[in-house]
Amino acid sequence: MTPTTFAAAIRARDPLVGYWSVLDSPVSTERIARLGYDYVALDAQHGLIDYAGVLASLTAIDTKGSTAVGLVRVEANDPMPIGKALDAGAAGVIVPLIDTAQDAAAAVAAVRYPPLGRRSYGPMRSALRIGPDPADAHEQTVVLAMIETAEGLKNVEEICATDGVDGVYIGPSDLRIALGGASSTDPTVADEFEAALVTVREAAAAAGTAAGIHNADGASAAKRLTEGFTYVTVASDLVHLEQVAYRHLTAVRATGQVR
């Protein structure tokens, strides 16, 4: 999938599935990008990836045999990290903590060159494959606004309708806590959480905007697609590494030959 076709698919609200990466491990990211996912999202907010790691992983995602484009969840709704992620070759940014339409408009402005926005021109790597002309860059890059706070949920209709927002993306851990959960997986707020997901989906559909959500596993991602989400992410490399390693350890211990 190229940045152009990915952006077109998001804007057409086509079903897409991606993978979430928090590890600064370009080789493993490259292998994941060859599995068939539509995108790989690099977490520069909570992940263990600095700018050099983002650059190397975006390069790895774009190597021969990859089916995916690279997205970056930036560390903040700020022109500097947004611009650097795009200059490094990201096909789009996932922008955290979008509470209002004004926040969403600021994120869009950071992605678009003047006169549509305020992105500074310096596509060091992205010029090789995205753009480099501003009009082409605008066509090929997407802005995904995270809905993960009580205020963002309250203003989701206005956020979805903000010009230039290509999609909204639910951060389920933060959203569950924002709804009163004692933890990121607190089951006592399950009803409120599911109702919030419906609110976001319906607001996005009404605005013609893509609705995405983060998921712990593939089965959960498939379920969310059937509910009406248009893009879903499976997370994450660090968690899955731990889970698989533990399953192998458990299998060996089950033989009774080791403690």
Protein backbone atom coordinates (compact mmCIF):
# COMPACT_ATOMS: atom_id res chain seq x y z
CA MET A 1 0.00 0.00 0.00
CA THR A 2 1.37 3.41 -0.95
CA PRO A 3 0.78 6.62 1.02
CA THR A 4 -1.59 7.79 -1.72
CA THR A 5 -3.72 4.63 -1.65
CA PHE A 6 -3.66 4.55 2.16
CA ALA A 7 -4.86 8.13 2.41
CA ALA A 8 -7.56 7.43 -0.16
CA ALA A 9 -8.67 4.33 1.76
CA ILE A 10 -8.90 6.21 5.07
CA ARG A 11 -10.90 9.00 3.43
CA ALA A 12 -13.18 6.46 1.75
CA ARG A 13 -13.65 4.76 5.14
CA ASP A 14 -12.44 1.43 3.76
CA PRO A 15 -11.72 -1.32 6.32
CA LEU A 16 -8.04 -1.33 7.31
CA VAL A 17 -6.00 -3.22 9.88
CA GLY A 18 -2.72 -2.13 11.38
CA TYR A 19 -0.18 -3.09 13.98
CA TRP A 20 1.24 -1.08 16.90
CA SER A 21 4.95 -0.87 17.62
CA VAL A 22 6.54 0.46 20.80
CA LEU A 23 10.00 -1.09 20.42
CA ASP A 24 12.98 0.63 18.86
CA SER A 25 13.73 -2.42 16.72
CA PRO A 26 13.73 -1.62 13.00
CA VAL A 27 14.50 -5.20 11.97
CA SER A 28 11.48 -6.64 13.78
CA THR A 29 9.35 -3.72 12.54
CA GLU A 30 10.45 -4.52 8.99
CA ARG A 31 9.37 -8.14 9.42
CA ILE A 32 5.99 -7.08 10.77
CA ALA A 33 5.50 -4.71 7.84
CA ARG A 34 5.82 -7.67 5.45
CA LEU A 35 3.01 -9.70 7.06
CA GLY A 36 0.11 -8.02 5.29
CA TYR A 37 -0.95 -5.22 7.63
CA ASP A 38 -2.13 -2.01 5.98
CA TYR A 39 -0.13 0.17 8.36
CA VAL A 40 2.31 -0.03 11.23
CA ALA A 41 1.94 2.70 13.86
CA LEU A 42 5.06 3.74 15.75
CA ASP A 43 4.38 5.00 19.26
CA ALA A 44 6.56 8.05 19.90
CA GLN A 45 4.37 9.13 22.83
CA HIS A 46 4.48 6.16 25.21
CA GLY A 47 6.72 3.83 23.23
CA LEU A 48 10.45 3.25 23.63
CA ILE A 49 11.32 4.98 20.36
CA ASP A 50 13.27 8.22 19.98
CA TYR A 51 13.47 10.25 16.77
CA ALA A 52 16.36 8.21 15.36
CA GLY A 53 14.33 5.08 16.03
CA VAL A 54 11.26 6.53 14.32
CA LEU A 55 13.36 7.42 11.28
CA ALA A 56 14.97 3.98 11.12
CA SER A 57 11.66 2.17 11.62
CA LEU A 58 9.89 4.23 8.95
CA THR A 59 12.72 3.37 6.58
CA ALA A 60 12.35 -0.30 7.53
CA ILE A 61 8.60 -0.22 6.93
CA ASP A 62 9.20 1.07 3.41
CA THR A 63 11.60 -1.69 2.35
CA LYS A 64 10.95 -4.21 -0.41
CA GLY A 65 8.16 -6.63 0.36
CA SER A 66 6.32 -4.38 2.78
CA THR A 67 2.55 -4.12 2.48
CA ALA A 68 2.25 -1.37 5.08
CA VAL A 69 2.70 2.36 5.41
CA GLY A 70 4.17 3.90 8.52
CA LEU A 71 2.18 6.09 10.89
CA VAL A 72 3.51 7.85 13.98
CA ARG A 73 1.69 8.61 17.18
CA VAL A 74 3.45 11.84 18.01
CA GLU A 75 4.30 12.88 21.56
CA ALA A 76 2.11 15.98 21.56
CA ASN A 77 -0.20 18.15 19.50
CA ASP A 78 2.65 20.44 18.53
CA PRO A 79 4.06 21.48 15.13
CA MET A 80 7.59 20.35 15.99
CA PRO A 81 7.07 16.60 16.64
CA ILE A 82 4.35 16.46 13.98
CA GLY A 83 6.59 18.06 11.37
CA LYS A 84 9.56 15.85 12.25
CA ALA A 85 7.48 12.68 11.96
CA LEU A 86 6.22 13.75 8.55
CA ASP A 87 9.68 14.85 7.38
CA ALA A 88 10.93 11.38 8.36
CA GLY A 89 8.42 9.82 5.97
CA ALA A 90 5.30 9.06 7.99
CA ALA A 91 2.18 8.64 5.90
CA GLY A 92 0.19 10.22 8.71
CA VAL A 93 0.18 11.19 12.34
CA ILE A 94 -1.97 10.04 15.24
CA VAL A 95 -2.29 13.08 17.49
CA PRO A 96 -3.01 12.48 21.20
CA LEU A 97 -5.27 14.32 23.64
CA ILE A 98 -7.57 16.08 21.20
CA ASP A 99 -10.20 17.68 23.42
CA THR A 100 -11.83 20.27 21.16
CA ALA A 101 -12.37 21.23 17.55
CA GLN A 102 -9.72 23.90 18.09
CA ASP A 103 -7.24 21.19 19.11
CA ALA A 104 -8.14 19.22 16.00
CA ALA A 105 -7.72 22.27 13.78
CA ALA A 106 -4.30 22.90 15.30
CA ALA A 107 -3.26 19.33 14.48
CA VAL A 108 -4.40 19.75 10.89
CA ALA A 109 -2.53 23.05 10.61
CA ALA A 110 0.67 21.36 11.81
CA VAL A 111 0.36 18.79 8.99
CA ARG A 112 -0.50 21.18 6.16
CA TYR A 113 1.84 23.66 4.50
CA PRO A 114 0.83 27.33 4.11
CA PRO A 115 -1.59 28.74 3.22
CA LEU A 116 -3.61 25.76 4.52
CA GLY A 117 -1.52 25.35 7.67
CA ARG A 118 1.79 26.10 9.31
CA ARG A 119 4.03 23.10 8.61
CA SER A 120 7.61 24.20 8.01
CA TYR A 121 9.11 22.96 4.74
CA GLY A 122 11.99 20.52 5.17
CA PRO A 123 11.03 17.04 3.92
CA MET A 124 14.44 15.48 4.57
CA ARG A 125 13.38 11.90 3.90
CA SER A 126 9.74 12.20 2.95
CA ALA A 127 10.72 14.01 -0.27
CA LEU A 128 11.87 10.63 -1.55
CA ARG A 129 8.37 9.19 -1.45
CA ILE A 130 5.74 11.65 -0.12
CA GLY A 131 5.40 14.94 -1.90
CA PRO A 132 7.74 16.82 -2.06
CA ASP A 133 5.34 19.42 -3.46
CA PRO A 134 2.93 20.69 -0.78
CA ALA A 135 -0.18 19.71 -2.76
CA ASP A 136 1.07 16.14 -3.13
CA ALA A 137 2.01 15.95 0.54
CA HIS A 138 -1.48 17.11 1.50
CA GLU A 139 -3.03 14.40 -0.67
CA GLN A 140 -0.78 11.64 0.68
CA THR A 141 -0.71 12.31 4.45
CA VAL A 142 -3.50 11.84 6.97
CA VAL A 143 -4.43 13.41 10.30
CA LEU A 144 -5.92 11.10 12.91
CA ALA A 145 -7.19 12.74 16.11
CA MET A 146 -7.24 10.70 19.31
CA ILE A 147 -10.43 10.61 21.38
CA GLU A 148 -9.32 9.56 24.85
CA THR A 149 -10.62 12.12 27.34
CA ALA A 150 -13.99 13.08 28.76
CA GLU A 151 -13.77 16.45 27.05
CA GLY A 152 -12.82 14.90 23.73
CA LEU A 153 -15.80 12.55 23.98
CA LYS A 154 -18.10 15.46 24.78
CA ASN A 155 -16.85 17.38 21.73
CA VAL A 156 -16.47 14.41 19.39
CA GLU A 157 -19.05 15.61 16.86
CA GLU A 158 -17.23 18.91 16.37
CA ILE A 159 -13.85 17.16 16.27
CA CYS A 160 -15.04 14.73 13.59
CA ALA A 161 -16.44 17.60 11.53
CA THR A 162 -13.22 19.64 11.67
CA ASP A 163 -11.96 20.33 8.15
CA GLY A 164 -8.88 18.26 7.40
CA VAL A 165 -9.36 15.61 10.07
CA ASP A 166 -9.25 12.31 8.19
CA GLY A 167 -10.12 10.10 11.13
CA VAL A 168 -10.55 9.80 14.86
CA TYR A 169 -8.78 7.16 16.89
CA ILE A 170 -9.93 5.86 20.25
CA GLY A 171 -7.33 5.33 22.93
CA PRO A 172 -9.24 2.78 25.02
CA SER A 173 -7.00 2.82 28.09
CA ASP A 174 -7.19 6.56 28.66
CA LEU A 175 -10.85 6.70 27.67
CA ARG A 176 -11.80 3.98 30.14
CA ILE A 177 -9.99 5.83 32.94
CA ALA A 178 -11.63 9.10 31.86
CA LEU A 179 -15.02 7.42 32.22
CA GLY A 180 -14.26 6.61 35.85
CA GLY A 181 -12.36 3.36 35.58
CA ALA A 182 -9.91 2.56 38.33
CA SER A 183 -7.55 1.09 35.74
CA SER A 184 -7.15 0.90 31.99
CA THR A 185 -9.07 -2.40 31.94
CA ASP A 186 -11.58 -1.79 34.74
CA PRO A 187 -14.66 -3.92 33.88
CA THR A 188 -16.98 -1.90 36.12
CA VAL A 189 -17.23 0.84 33.48
CA ALA A 190 -17.76 -1.57 30.58
CA ASP A 191 -21.26 -0.29 29.80
CA GLU A 192 -20.16 3.34 29.81
CA PHE A 193 -17.16 2.47 27.68
CA GLU A 194 -19.18 0.61 25.05
CA ALA A 195 -21.69 3.47 24.93
CA ALA A 196 -18.81 5.89 24.34
CA LEU A 197 -17.60 3.78 21.43
CA VAL A 198 -21.03 3.99 19.84
CA THR A 199 -21.01 7.77 20.32
CA VAL A 200 -17.65 8.09 18.55
CA ARG A 201 -18.61 5.73 15.71
CA GLU A 202 -21.85 7.54 15.05
CA ALA A 203 -20.24 10.97 15.18
CA ALA A 204 -17.58 9.86 12.71
CA ALA A 205 -20.13 8.29 10.38
CA ALA A 206 -22.25 11.44 10.42
CA ALA A 207 -19.23 13.54 9.50
CA GLY A 208 -17.95 11.10 6.88
CA THR A 209 -14.80 10.60 8.93
CA ALA A 210 -12.99 7.32 9.57
CA ALA A 211 -13.28 5.84 13.06
CA GLY A 212 -10.45 3.75 14.44
CA ILE A 213 -9.66 1.99 17.70
CA HIS A 214 -6.75 0.34 19.44
CA ASN A 215 -7.15 -3.38 20.30
CA ALA A 216 -5.29 -5.91 22.39
CA ASP A 217 -5.62 -8.73 19.86
CA GLY A 218 -6.89 -9.70 16.45
CA ALA A 219 -10.19 -11.14 17.66
CA SER A 220 -11.06 -7.86 19.35
CA ALA A 221 -10.06 -5.95 16.23
CA ALA A 222 -12.33 -8.12 14.07
CA LYS A 223 -15.21 -7.54 16.47
CA ARG A 224 -14.77 -3.78 16.25
CA LEU A 225 -14.81 -3.90 12.45
CA THR A 226 -18.13 -5.73 12.50
CA GLU A 227 -19.47 -3.02 14.82
CA GLY A 228 -18.67 -0.30 12.31
CA PHE A 229 -15.16 0.89 12.99
CA THR A 230 -13.29 1.48 9.75
CA TYR A 231 -9.71 0.94 10.84
CA VAL A 232 -8.39 -1.12 13.73
CA THR A 233 -4.96 -1.58 15.26
CA VAL A 234 -3.59 -4.68 16.95
CA ALA A 235 -1.15 -3.98 19.80
CA SER A 236 1.72 -4.37 20.40
CA ASP A 237 5.14 -5.86 19.66
CA LEU A 238 6.37 -5.66 23.26
CA VAL A 239 3.19 -7.21 24.70
CA HIS A 240 3.11 -9.96 22.09
CA LEU A 241 6.80 -10.77 22.62
CA GLU A 242 6.12 -11.24 26.32
CA GLN A 243 2.99 -13.31 25.72
CA VAL A 244 4.63 -15.69 23.26
CA ALA A 245 7.74 -16.09 25.40
CA TYR A 246 5.55 -16.92 28.40
CA ARG A 247 3.52 -19.50 26.44
CA HIS A 248 6.71 -21.30 25.42
CA LEU A 249 7.98 -21.25 29.00
CA THR A 250 4.66 -22.61 30.25
CA ALA A 251 4.78 -25.41 27.66
CA VAL A 252 8.22 -26.50 28.85
CA ARG A 253 7.27 -26.36 32.51
CA ALA A 254 4.13 -28.41 31.83
CA THR A 255 6.35 -31.40 31.11
CA GLY A 256 7.44 -31.44 34.75
CA GLN A 257 11.11 -31.57 33.80
CA VAL A 258 11.85 -28.05 35.10
CA ARG A 259 10.39 -25.89 37.82
